[in-house]
């Protein structure tokens, strides 16, 4: 289940990268380090989404697409009830 969450997050990141390349192709070529880092981050976000949102695979895909914005909003929702 965790691996599938990571794969779906990775897939969401790949979709986002492809849309970005279609929308605005790079003039000097693709920065592969940046692309790989972004895709690994999207996979990690998909994995964390599976853990924190009780196994919702659709959200893992969307989280990978949305990136860190998604995790920030999940954190705000979850931490709203926590009193420190």
C-alpha atoms as a PDB file:
ATOM      1  CA  UNK A   1       0.000   0.000   0.000  1.00  0.00           C
ATOM      2  CA  UNK A   2       2.834   2.411   0.834  1.00  0.00           C
ATOM      3  CA  UNK A   3       4.686   1.635  -2.384  1.00  0.00           C
ATOM      4  CA  UNK A   4       1.540   2.281  -4.406  1.00  0.00           C
ATOM      5  CA  UNK A   5       1.121   5.655  -2.666  1.00  0.00           C
ATOM      6  CA  UNK A   6       4.700   6.602  -3.573  1.00  0.00           C
ATOM      7  CA  UNK A   7       4.222   5.447  -7.182  1.00  0.00           C
ATOM      8  CA  UNK A   8       1.005   7.442  -7.515  1.00  0.00           C
ATOM      9  CA  UNK A   9       2.687  10.526  -6.059  1.00  0.00           C
ATOM     10  CA  UNK A  10       5.540  10.040  -8.540  1.00  0.00           C
ATOM     11  CA  UNK A  11       2.988   9.706 -11.369  1.00  0.00           C
ATOM     12  CA  UNK A  12       1.258  12.912 -10.273  1.00  0.00           C
ATOM     13  CA  UNK A  13       4.612  14.714 -10.303  1.00  0.00           C
ATOM     14  CA  UNK A  14       5.353  13.332 -13.770  1.00  0.00           C
ATOM     15  CA  UNK A  15       2.005  14.588 -15.074  1.00  0.00           C
ATOM     16  CA  UNK A  16       2.733  18.035 -13.629  1.00  0.00           C
ATOM     17  CA  UNK A  17       6.208  18.053 -15.213  1.00  0.00           C
ATOM     18  CA  UNK A  18       4.812  17.038 -18.611  1.00  0.00           C
ATOM     19  CA  UNK A  19       2.170  19.769 -18.486  1.00  0.00           C
ATOM     20  CA  UNK A  20       4.884  22.269 -17.553  1.00  0.00           C
ATOM     21  CA  UNK A  21       7.053  21.172 -20.481  1.00  0.00           C
ATOM     22  CA  UNK A  22       4.122  21.379 -22.893  1.00  0.00           C
ATOM     23  CA  UNK A  23       3.044  24.784 -21.566  1.00  0.00           C
ATOM     24  CA  UNK A  24       6.515  26.328 -21.584  1.00  0.00           C
ATOM     25  CA  UNK A  25       9.275  24.281 -23.222  1.00  0.00           C
ATOM     26  CA  UNK A  26      12.750  25.038 -21.832  1.00  0.00           C
ATOM     27  CA  UNK A  27      15.010  27.047 -24.150  1.00  0.00           C
ATOM     28  CA  UNK A  28      18.242  25.440 -22.985  1.00  0.00           C
ATOM     29  CA  UNK A  29      17.105  21.860 -22.392  1.00  0.00           C
ATOM     30  CA  UNK A  30      15.681  19.988 -19.453  1.00  0.00           C
ATOM     31  CA  UNK A  31      17.447  20.257 -16.093  1.00  0.00           C
ATOM     32  CA  UNK A  32      17.476  16.566 -15.198  1.00  0.00           C
ATOM     33  CA  UNK A  33      18.693  17.071 -11.621  1.00  0.00           C
ATOM     34  CA  UNK A  34      15.816  19.414 -10.934  1.00  0.00           C
ATOM     35  CA  UNK A  35      13.351  17.051 -12.626  1.00  0.00           C
ATOM     36  CA  UNK A  36      14.552  14.003 -10.674  1.00  0.00           C
ATOM     37  CA  UNK A  37      14.496  15.936  -7.395  1.00  0.00           C
ATOM     38  CA  UNK A  38      10.960  17.117  -8.072  1.00  0.00           C
ATOM     39  CA  UNK A  39       9.789  13.604  -8.989  1.00  0.00           C
ATOM     40  CA  UNK A  40      11.362  12.061  -5.878  1.00  0.00           C
ATOM     41  CA  UNK A  41       9.703  14.762  -3.791  1.00  0.00           C
ATOM     42  CA  UNK A  42       6.357  14.035  -5.437  1.00  0.00           C
ATOM     43  CA  UNK A  43       6.793  10.337  -4.649  1.00  0.00           C
ATOM     44  CA  UNK A  44       7.561  11.151  -1.016  1.00  0.00           C
ATOM     45  CA  UNK A  45       4.518  13.404  -0.841  1.00  0.00           C
ATOM     46  CA  UNK A  46       2.351  10.591  -2.256  1.00  0.00           C
ATOM     47  CA  UNK A  47       3.771   8.239   0.386  1.00  0.00           C
ATOM     48  CA  UNK A  48       3.080  10.664   3.235  1.00  0.00           C
ATOM     49  CA  UNK A  49      -0.422  11.262   1.909  1.00  0.00           C
ATOM     50  CA  UNK A  50      -1.172   7.519   2.090  1.00  0.00           C
ATOM     51  CA  UNK A  51       0.051   7.489   5.683  1.00  0.00           C
ATOM     52  CA  UNK A  52      -1.781  10.596   6.910  1.00  0.00           C
ATOM     53  CA  UNK A  53      -5.012  10.400   4.896  1.00  0.00           C
ATOM     54  CA  UNK A  54      -5.778   6.756   5.676  1.00  0.00           C
ATOM     55  CA  UNK A  55      -4.980   5.119   2.350  1.00  0.00           C
ATOM     56  CA  UNK A  56      -6.811   7.339  -0.148  1.00  0.00           C
ATOM     57  CA  UNK A  57      -4.999   6.569  -3.406  1.00  0.00           C
ATOM     58  CA  UNK A  58      -6.698   9.345  -5.381  1.00  0.00           C
ATOM     59  CA  UNK A  59      -5.298  11.895  -2.967  1.00  0.00           C
ATOM     60  CA  UNK A  60      -1.792  10.445  -3.406  1.00  0.00           C
ATOM     61  CA  UNK A  61      -1.983  11.093  -7.139  1.00  0.00           C
ATOM     62  CA  UNK A  62      -3.342  14.597  -6.587  1.00  0.00           C
ATOM     63  CA  UNK A  63      -0.756  15.258  -3.877  1.00  0.00           C
ATOM     64  CA  UNK A  64       2.053  14.320  -6.248  1.00  0.00           C
ATOM     65  CA  UNK A  65       0.588  16.701  -8.798  1.00  0.00           C
ATOM     66  CA  UNK A  66      -0.002  19.498  -6.314  1.00  0.00           C
ATOM     67  CA  UNK A  67       3.366  19.140  -4.623  1.00  0.00           C
ATOM     68  CA  UNK A  68       4.200  20.799  -1.354  1.00  0.00           C
ATOM     69  CA  UNK A  69       1.123  23.043  -1.462  1.00  0.00           C
ATOM     70  CA  UNK A  70      -0.981  19.946  -0.836  1.00  0.00           C
ATOM     71  CA  UNK A  71       1.086  18.808   2.162  1.00  0.00           C
ATOM     72  CA  UNK A  72       0.990  22.304   3.664  1.00  0.00           C
ATOM     73  CA  UNK A  73      -2.807  22.383   3.495  1.00  0.00           C
ATOM     74  CA  UNK A  74      -3.149  18.855   4.946  1.00  0.00           C
ATOM     75  CA  UNK A  75      -0.855  19.929   7.801  1.00  0.00           C
ATOM     76  CA  UNK A  76      -2.995  23.002   8.500  1.00  0.00           C
ATOM     77  CA  UNK A  77      -6.171  20.892   8.538  1.00  0.00           C
ATOM     78  CA  UNK A  78      -4.694  18.213  10.811  1.00  0.00           C
ATOM     79  CA  UNK A  79      -3.009  20.692  13.178  1.00  0.00           C
ATOM     80  CA  UNK A  80      -6.061  22.958  13.520  1.00  0.00           C
ATOM     81  CA  UNK A  81      -7.379  20.752  16.342  1.00  0.00           C
ATOM     82  CA  UNK A  82      -4.003  20.402  18.098  1.00  0.00           C
ATOM     83  CA  UNK A  83      -3.487  22.814  20.980  1.00  0.00           C
ATOM     84  CA  UNK A  84       0.142  23.541  21.814  1.00  0.00           C
END
